[in-house]
Amino acid sequence: MNIFINQMARELPAGATLADAIALLQARPPFAAAVNLQFVPNTRYAQQLLQPDDRIDIIFPVTGG
């Protein structure tokens, strides 16, 4: 199925979860994740099923002054 991660089209198998999408990016904590603009707690990544054309945002903190 086609999904979008940080506005880039990606392909994942049917039945994929948010955890699968994060693994595809090899994202390292700390980060936050949202599906279709809805925040998903990290304890739910493996249960959050994805649907075709879902839009996933992986947000990393920025430090500095």
N, C-alpha and C. Protein backbone atom coordinates (compact mmCIF):
# COMPACT_ATOMS: atom_id res chain seq x y z
N MET A 1 0.85 -1.18 0.00
CA MET A 1 0.00 0.00 0.00
C MET A 1 0.88 1.23 0.00
N ASN A 2 0.38 2.27 -0.56
CA ASN A 2 1.11 3.54 -0.64
C ASN A 2 0.74 4.40 0.57
N ILE A 3 1.77 4.91 1.26
CA ILE A 3 1.58 5.85 2.36
C ILE A 3 2.54 7.01 2.14
N PHE A 4 2.42 8.02 2.97
CA PHE A 4 3.33 9.17 2.90
C PHE A 4 3.98 9.34 4.26
N ILE A 5 5.31 9.38 4.28
CA ILE A 5 6.05 9.62 5.51
C ILE A 5 6.81 10.93 5.32
N ASN A 6 6.49 11.90 6.16
CA ASN A 6 7.09 13.24 6.03
C ASN A 6 6.99 13.73 4.59
N GLN A 7 5.84 13.57 4.00
CA GLN A 7 5.46 14.05 2.67
C GLN A 7 6.13 13.31 1.52
N MET A 8 6.79 12.19 1.81
CA MET A 8 7.41 11.39 0.75
C MET A 8 6.65 10.07 0.61
N ALA A 9 6.31 9.71 -0.62
CA ALA A 9 5.58 8.47 -0.86
C ALA A 9 6.47 7.27 -0.54
N ARG A 10 5.89 6.31 0.15
CA ARG A 10 6.58 5.06 0.50
C ARG A 10 5.61 3.91 0.28
N GLU A 11 6.17 2.73 0.13
CA GLU A 11 5.36 1.53 -0.08
C GLU A 11 5.56 0.59 1.10
N LEU A 12 4.45 0.14 1.68
CA LEU A 12 4.47 -0.85 2.76
C LEU A 12 3.45 -1.93 2.45
N PRO A 13 3.64 -3.13 2.98
CA PRO A 13 2.67 -4.20 2.73
C PRO A 13 1.36 -3.94 3.46
N ALA A 14 0.29 -4.51 2.96
CA ALA A 14 -1.01 -4.41 3.63
C ALA A 14 -0.87 -4.95 5.05
N GLY A 15 -1.55 -4.33 6.00
CA GLY A 15 -1.48 -4.75 7.39
C GLY A 15 -0.31 -4.16 8.15
N ALA A 16 0.43 -3.25 7.52
CA ALA A 16 1.58 -2.63 8.18
C ALA A 16 1.11 -1.72 9.30
N THR A 17 1.99 -1.54 10.27
CA THR A 17 1.71 -0.68 11.42
C THR A 17 2.62 0.54 11.40
N LEU A 18 2.33 1.45 12.29
CA LEU A 18 3.18 2.63 12.43
C LEU A 18 4.60 2.20 12.80
N ALA A 19 4.74 1.17 13.61
CA ALA A 19 6.07 0.65 13.96
C ALA A 19 6.83 0.21 12.71
N ASP A 20 6.14 -0.39 11.74
CA ASP A 20 6.77 -0.80 10.49
C ASP A 20 7.27 0.41 9.70
N ALA A 21 6.47 1.47 9.68
CA ALA A 21 6.85 2.68 8.96
C ALA A 21 8.07 3.33 9.62
N ILE A 22 8.09 3.34 10.94
CA ILE A 22 9.22 3.91 11.66
C ILE A 22 10.48 3.08 11.39
N ALA A 23 10.34 1.76 11.37
CA ALA A 23 11.48 0.89 11.08
C ALA A 23 12.00 1.13 9.67
N LEU A 24 11.10 1.40 8.73
CA LEU A 24 11.50 1.69 7.35
C LEU A 24 12.44 2.90 7.30
N LEU A 25 12.17 3.89 8.13
CA LEU A 25 13.00 5.09 8.18
C LEU A 25 14.25 4.92 9.04
N GLN A 26 14.27 3.86 9.82
CA GLN A 26 15.35 3.64 10.78
C GLN A 26 15.48 4.84 11.72
N ALA A 27 14.34 5.37 12.13
CA ALA A 27 14.30 6.53 13.03
C ALA A 27 14.80 6.13 14.42
N ARG A 28 15.61 6.99 15.00
CA ARG A 28 16.14 6.77 16.34
C ARG A 28 15.53 7.79 17.29
N PRO A 29 15.10 7.34 18.47
CA PRO A 29 14.54 8.27 19.45
C PRO A 29 15.56 9.32 19.84
N PRO A 30 15.11 10.48 20.26
CA PRO A 30 13.72 10.83 20.53
C PRO A 30 13.02 11.38 19.29
N PHE A 31 11.78 11.04 19.16
CA PHE A 31 10.92 11.59 18.11
C PHE A 31 9.48 11.39 18.52
N ALA A 32 8.59 12.09 17.86
CA ALA A 32 7.15 11.93 18.04
C ALA A 32 6.57 11.52 16.69
N ALA A 33 5.44 10.84 16.73
CA ALA A 33 4.82 10.38 15.48
C ALA A 33 3.33 10.72 15.48
N ALA A 34 2.85 11.05 14.29
CA ALA A 34 1.43 11.33 14.10
C ALA A 34 0.98 10.66 12.82
N VAL A 35 -0.27 10.19 12.82
CA VAL A 35 -0.88 9.62 11.63
C VAL A 35 -2.09 10.49 11.31
N ASN A 36 -2.09 11.04 10.10
CA ASN A 36 -3.17 11.93 9.67
C ASN A 36 -3.40 13.06 10.69
N LEU A 37 -2.28 13.63 11.15
CA LEU A 37 -2.26 14.77 12.08
C LEU A 37 -2.71 14.42 13.50
N GLN A 38 -2.87 13.13 13.80
CA GLN A 38 -3.26 12.70 15.14
C GLN A 38 -2.05 12.07 15.82
N PHE A 39 -1.61 12.67 16.95
CA PHE A 39 -0.48 12.15 17.70
C PHE A 39 -0.76 10.71 18.12
N VAL A 40 0.27 9.86 18.03
CA VAL A 40 0.18 8.47 18.46
C VAL A 40 1.25 8.25 19.53
N PRO A 41 0.86 7.85 20.76
CA PRO A 41 1.86 7.59 21.79
C PRO A 41 2.78 6.43 21.38
N ASN A 42 4.02 6.47 21.80
CA ASN A 42 4.96 5.44 21.39
C ASN A 42 4.54 4.05 21.86
N THR A 43 3.74 3.96 22.89
CA THR A 43 3.25 2.66 23.35
C THR A 43 2.23 2.04 22.39
N ARG A 44 1.75 2.80 21.42
CA ARG A 44 0.74 2.32 20.47
C ARG A 44 1.28 2.12 19.06
N TYR A 45 2.55 2.36 18.82
CA TYR A 45 3.10 2.25 17.46
C TYR A 45 2.83 0.89 16.84
N ALA A 46 3.01 -0.18 17.59
CA ALA A 46 2.84 -1.53 17.04
C ALA A 46 1.37 -1.90 16.82
N GLN A 47 0.45 -1.21 17.47
CA GLN A 47 -0.98 -1.49 17.31
C GLN A 47 -1.66 -0.58 16.29
N GLN A 48 -0.99 0.51 15.92
CA GLN A 48 -1.59 1.50 15.00
C GLN A 48 -1.50 1.00 13.57
N LEU A 49 -2.59 0.40 13.08
CA LEU A 49 -2.62 -0.09 11.70
C LEU A 49 -2.70 1.08 10.74
N LEU A 50 -2.01 0.93 9.64
CA LEU A 50 -2.00 1.96 8.60
C LEU A 50 -2.95 1.59 7.48
N GLN A 51 -3.47 2.61 6.83
CA GLN A 51 -4.37 2.45 5.69
C GLN A 51 -3.73 3.10 4.47
N PRO A 52 -4.12 2.66 3.27
CA PRO A 52 -3.57 3.31 2.07
C PRO A 52 -3.76 4.82 2.13
N ASP A 53 -2.74 5.53 1.70
CA ASP A 53 -2.72 6.99 1.63
C ASP A 53 -2.66 7.69 2.99
N ASP A 54 -2.40 6.94 4.08
CA ASP A 54 -2.20 7.59 5.37
C ASP A 54 -0.99 8.52 5.27
N ARG A 55 -1.05 9.58 6.04
CA ARG A 55 0.04 10.55 6.09
C ARG A 55 0.66 10.49 7.48
N ILE A 56 1.93 10.11 7.51
CA ILE A 56 2.65 9.94 8.76
C ILE A 56 3.68 11.05 8.88
N ASP A 57 3.72 11.65 10.06
CA ASP A 57 4.73 12.66 10.35
C ASP A 57 5.60 12.15 11.49
N ILE A 58 6.90 12.11 11.25
CA ILE A 58 7.88 11.77 12.27
C ILE A 58 8.61 13.08 12.58
N ILE A 59 8.50 13.52 13.83
CA ILE A 59 9.01 14.83 14.22
C ILE A 59 10.13 14.64 15.23
N PHE A 60 11.29 15.20 14.91
CA PHE A 60 12.45 15.13 15.78
C PHE A 60 12.62 16.46 16.50
N PRO A 61 13.02 16.43 17.79
CA PRO A 61 13.22 17.70 18.51
C PRO A 61 14.43 18.46 17.96
N VAL A 62 14.36 19.75 18.07
CA VAL A 62 15.44 20.63 17.63
C VAL A 62 15.94 21.38 18.85
N THR A 63 17.24 21.39 19.03
CA THR A 63 17.81 22.11 20.16
C THR A 63 18.66 23.27 19.65
N GLY A 64 18.92 24.16 20.52
CA GLY A 64 19.75 25.31 20.12
C GLY A 64 19.21 26.57 20.76
N GLY A 65 19.82 27.64 20.43
CA GLY A 65 19.40 28.88 21.08
C GLY A 65 19.45 30.02 20.22
